[in-house]
Amino acid sequence: AACLREDYAKATRLLEETDASLRAAHLDKTVMRANWWRTKARASTGLGRRAEFRQALKQALVLYAAAAPRSNDYATALSLASLEQTEQGNSLSAAQLLEQALAVAEAAPDRDDSIIADLLYDLARTRERLGQFAAAEDTYIRAQAQAKKTYGERHAVYWISLAHHAQLLHQRGQRDAA
C-alpha cells in the first residue's frame, strides 16, 4: 500500500521490519520472500536506486521460478523485468520476458484475465517497436478481445488497446481498417 501511495520511504521501513520476520520464520526460500523482493524492487525504483532495483528483481525472479513457476505473481515480476528491459532499449529481451510472463499467467491455476489483458497489450506494443507489425496486429486483436471479455467495452484498457491498434493500422496505410 505504501508503494501504491508512492511513499517509498515508508515502504522501505516496512520492508526492513518484514525482512526480520521472514528471516526469523525461516521463510527465505518461499513465495512470501519472493513477494518481498518484488516489493523491494518497486520501492527501490521509486527511490531512484536502480542497482538495488535490479538486484531485488533478480532475487524475486529466481525465487518465483523455484517456488511458484505458474503464479500470477511470477508473471507480474516478469512483466516488471520486461519494463526494465524496455527502459534500457532492449525491446527484444522485453518481448521475450513478456512472452514468458504471458505463458505463466495463462497457465496459472488462479488465472487472472486482467493480468493477461495487460500483458497482451504490452507485448503488442513491444512487437510494434521491434517492427514485427503482423505479430503486433495479431497481439492487439488478442489484447482487445481479452480486455473486452474481462473489463467490457467501456473500460479504458479496451479503448487504449483499440486506439493503439488503429494507430498501427493507420501508419501501415490501412486507413479504412483503422
Protein backbone atom coordinates (compact mmCIF):
# COMPACT_ATOMS: atom_id res chain seq x y z
CA ALA A 1 0.00 0.00 0.00
CA ALA A 2 2.87 2.38 0.74
CA CYS A 3 4.29 1.74 -2.74
CA LEU A 4 0.91 2.43 -4.32
CA ARG A 5 0.82 5.75 -2.46
CA GLU A 6 4.39 6.33 -3.65
CA ASP A 7 5.55 6.58 -0.04
CA TYR A 8 8.74 4.66 -0.75
CA ALA A 9 10.46 5.69 2.47
CA LYS A 10 7.64 4.11 4.49
CA ALA A 11 7.66 1.07 2.22
CA THR A 12 11.38 0.66 2.86
CA ARG A 13 10.87 0.86 6.64
CA LEU A 14 8.10 -1.74 6.47
CA LEU A 15 10.26 -3.97 4.27
CA GLU A 16 13.05 -3.84 6.85
CA GLU A 17 10.63 -4.91 9.59
CA THR A 18 9.21 -7.68 7.42
CA ASP A 19 12.70 -8.85 6.47
CA ALA A 20 13.48 -9.61 10.10
CA SER A 21 10.22 -11.53 10.49
CA LEU A 22 10.81 -13.58 7.34
CA ARG A 23 14.34 -14.44 8.47
CA ALA A 24 13.18 -15.42 11.95
CA ALA A 25 10.48 -17.68 10.48
CA HIS A 26 12.96 -19.26 8.02
CA LEU A 27 10.89 -18.18 5.01
CA ASP A 28 13.76 -17.06 2.78
CA LYS A 29 13.01 -19.60 0.03
CA THR A 30 9.27 -19.05 -0.18
CA VAL A 31 6.76 -17.12 -2.25
CA MET A 32 6.46 -14.70 0.67
CA ARG A 33 10.12 -13.82 0.27
CA ALA A 34 9.71 -13.55 -3.50
CA ASN A 35 6.85 -11.10 -2.94
CA TRP A 36 9.08 -9.22 -0.50
CA TRP A 37 11.84 -8.97 -3.13
CA ARG A 38 9.36 -7.76 -5.76
CA THR A 39 8.06 -5.09 -3.39
CA LYS A 40 11.63 -4.11 -2.54
CA ALA A 41 12.28 -3.70 -6.26
CA ARG A 42 9.27 -1.39 -6.59
CA ALA A 43 10.34 0.68 -3.58
CA SER A 44 13.93 0.85 -4.81
CA THR A 45 12.96 2.11 -8.23
CA GLY A 46 10.70 4.70 -6.61
CA LEU A 47 13.71 5.95 -4.66
CA GLY A 48 15.87 6.02 -7.80
CA ARG A 49 18.08 3.15 -6.66
CA ARG A 50 18.45 1.34 -9.99
CA ALA A 51 21.15 -1.13 -8.96
CA GLU A 52 19.17 -2.12 -5.86
CA PHE A 53 16.04 -2.45 -8.03
CA ARG A 54 17.78 -4.81 -10.47
CA GLN A 55 19.21 -6.96 -7.66
CA ALA A 56 15.88 -7.21 -5.84
CA LEU A 57 14.03 -8.07 -9.04
CA LYS A 58 16.60 -10.72 -9.91
CA GLN A 59 16.14 -12.31 -6.47
CA ALA A 60 12.35 -12.25 -6.89
CA LEU A 61 12.53 -13.90 -10.31
CA VAL A 62 14.81 -16.67 -9.04
CA LEU A 63 12.51 -17.42 -6.10
CA TYR A 64 9.33 -17.33 -8.15
CA ALA A 65 10.85 -19.68 -10.72
CA ALA A 66 11.67 -22.13 -7.93
CA ALA A 67 8.70 -21.72 -5.59
CA ALA A 68 5.81 -20.56 -7.81
CA PRO A 69 6.62 -21.03 -11.51
CA ARG A 70 2.93 -20.93 -12.51
CA SER A 71 1.78 -17.97 -10.44
CA ASN A 72 0.35 -14.59 -11.31
CA ASP A 73 2.98 -13.05 -9.04
CA TYR A 74 5.75 -14.56 -11.18
CA ALA A 75 4.04 -13.26 -14.33
CA THR A 76 3.88 -9.80 -12.77
CA ALA A 77 7.58 -9.91 -11.82
CA LEU A 78 8.48 -10.97 -15.38
CA SER A 79 6.44 -8.06 -16.68
CA LEU A 80 8.36 -5.72 -14.38
CA ALA A 81 11.62 -7.15 -15.74
CA SER A 82 10.30 -6.54 -19.25
CA LEU A 83 9.63 -2.90 -18.41
CA GLU A 84 13.22 -2.56 -17.20
CA GLN A 85 14.47 -4.02 -20.48
CA THR A 86 12.27 -1.62 -22.45
CA GLU A 87 13.67 1.32 -20.49
CA GLN A 88 17.18 0.09 -21.31
CA GLY A 89 16.30 -0.06 -25.02
CA ASN A 90 16.32 -3.87 -25.15
CA SER A 91 12.98 -4.46 -26.88
CA LEU A 92 13.83 -8.00 -27.99
CA SER A 93 14.61 -9.07 -24.43
CA ALA A 94 11.49 -7.23 -23.25
CA ALA A 95 9.36 -9.18 -25.75
CA GLN A 96 10.85 -12.48 -24.64
CA LEU A 97 10.10 -11.69 -21.00
CA LEU A 98 6.54 -10.70 -21.88
CA GLU A 99 6.03 -13.91 -23.83
CA GLN A 100 7.27 -15.85 -20.81
CA ALA A 101 5.04 -13.82 -18.48
CA LEU A 102 2.05 -14.47 -20.71
CA ALA A 103 2.71 -18.22 -20.75
CA VAL A 104 2.99 -18.22 -16.94
CA ALA A 105 -0.18 -16.16 -16.48
CA GLU A 106 -2.18 -18.34 -18.87
CA ALA A 107 -1.07 -21.49 -17.01
CA ALA A 108 -1.69 -20.10 -13.51
CA PRO A 109 -4.20 -22.17 -11.54
CA ASP A 110 -5.80 -18.93 -10.33
CA ARG A 111 -5.67 -17.33 -13.78
CA ASP A 112 -6.26 -13.57 -13.69
CA ASP A 113 -7.55 -12.37 -17.04
CA SER A 114 -6.82 -8.74 -16.18
CA ILE A 115 -3.10 -9.55 -15.98
CA ILE A 116 -3.35 -11.37 -19.31
CA ALA A 117 -5.08 -8.39 -20.96
CA ASP A 118 -2.31 -6.07 -19.74
CA LEU A 119 0.44 -8.47 -20.83
CA LEU A 120 -1.06 -8.83 -24.30
CA TYR A 121 -1.23 -5.05 -24.71
CA ASP A 122 2.37 -4.64 -23.54
CA LEU A 123 3.50 -7.42 -25.87
CA ALA A 124 1.69 -5.85 -28.83
CA ARG A 125 3.40 -2.50 -28.16
CA THR A 126 6.79 -4.20 -27.83
CA ARG A 127 6.33 -6.16 -31.05
CA GLU A 128 5.38 -2.93 -32.78
CA ARG A 129 8.60 -1.28 -31.53
CA LEU A 130 10.52 -4.24 -32.94
CA GLY A 131 8.91 -3.76 -36.35
CA GLN A 132 7.05 -7.07 -36.05
CA PHE A 133 3.89 -5.49 -37.39
CA ALA A 134 1.90 -8.62 -38.28
CA ALA A 135 2.64 -10.14 -34.88
CA ALA A 136 1.80 -6.82 -33.20
CA GLU A 137 -1.52 -6.65 -35.05
CA ASP A 138 -2.43 -10.20 -34.03
CA THR A 139 -1.49 -9.44 -30.44
CA TYR A 140 -3.52 -6.22 -30.40
CA ILE A 141 -6.53 -8.23 -31.57
CA ARG A 142 -5.98 -10.73 -28.75
CA ALA A 143 -5.47 -7.89 -26.23
CA GLN A 144 -8.69 -6.19 -27.33
CA ALA A 145 -10.68 -9.43 -27.10
CA GLN A 146 -9.25 -10.19 -23.64
CA ALA A 147 -9.88 -6.65 -22.39
CA LYS A 148 -13.43 -6.66 -23.77
CA LYS A 149 -14.15 -10.02 -22.13
CA THR A 150 -12.52 -9.03 -18.84
CA TYR A 151 -13.46 -5.36 -18.47
CA GLY A 152 -16.13 -4.67 -21.09
CA GLU A 153 -16.22 -2.15 -23.93
CA ARG A 154 -16.48 0.86 -21.65
CA HIS A 155 -13.18 0.28 -19.87
CA ALA A 156 -10.03 2.27 -20.67
CA VAL A 157 -7.89 -0.85 -21.09
CA TYR A 158 -10.09 -1.92 -24.01
CA TRP A 159 -10.05 1.52 -25.65
CA ILE A 160 -6.33 2.08 -25.24
CA SER A 161 -5.59 -1.24 -26.91
CA LEU A 162 -8.08 -0.47 -29.67
CA ALA A 163 -6.61 3.00 -30.22
CA HIS A 164 -3.03 1.76 -30.49
CA HIS A 165 -4.12 -0.98 -32.86
CA ALA A 166 -5.89 1.61 -35.03
CA GLN A 167 -2.77 3.79 -34.97
CA LEU A 168 -0.64 0.85 -36.15
CA LEU A 169 -3.07 0.13 -38.99
CA HIS A 170 -3.13 3.80 -39.99
CA GLN A 171 0.67 4.04 -40.04
CA ARG A 172 0.79 0.94 -42.24
CA GLY A 173 -1.58 2.53 -44.75
CA GLN A 174 -4.67 0.55 -43.77
CA ARG A 175 -6.79 3.66 -43.26
CA ASP A 176 -10.21 2.01 -43.70
CA ALA A 177 -9.42 -0.73 -41.20
CA ALA A 178 -8.02 1.87 -38.79
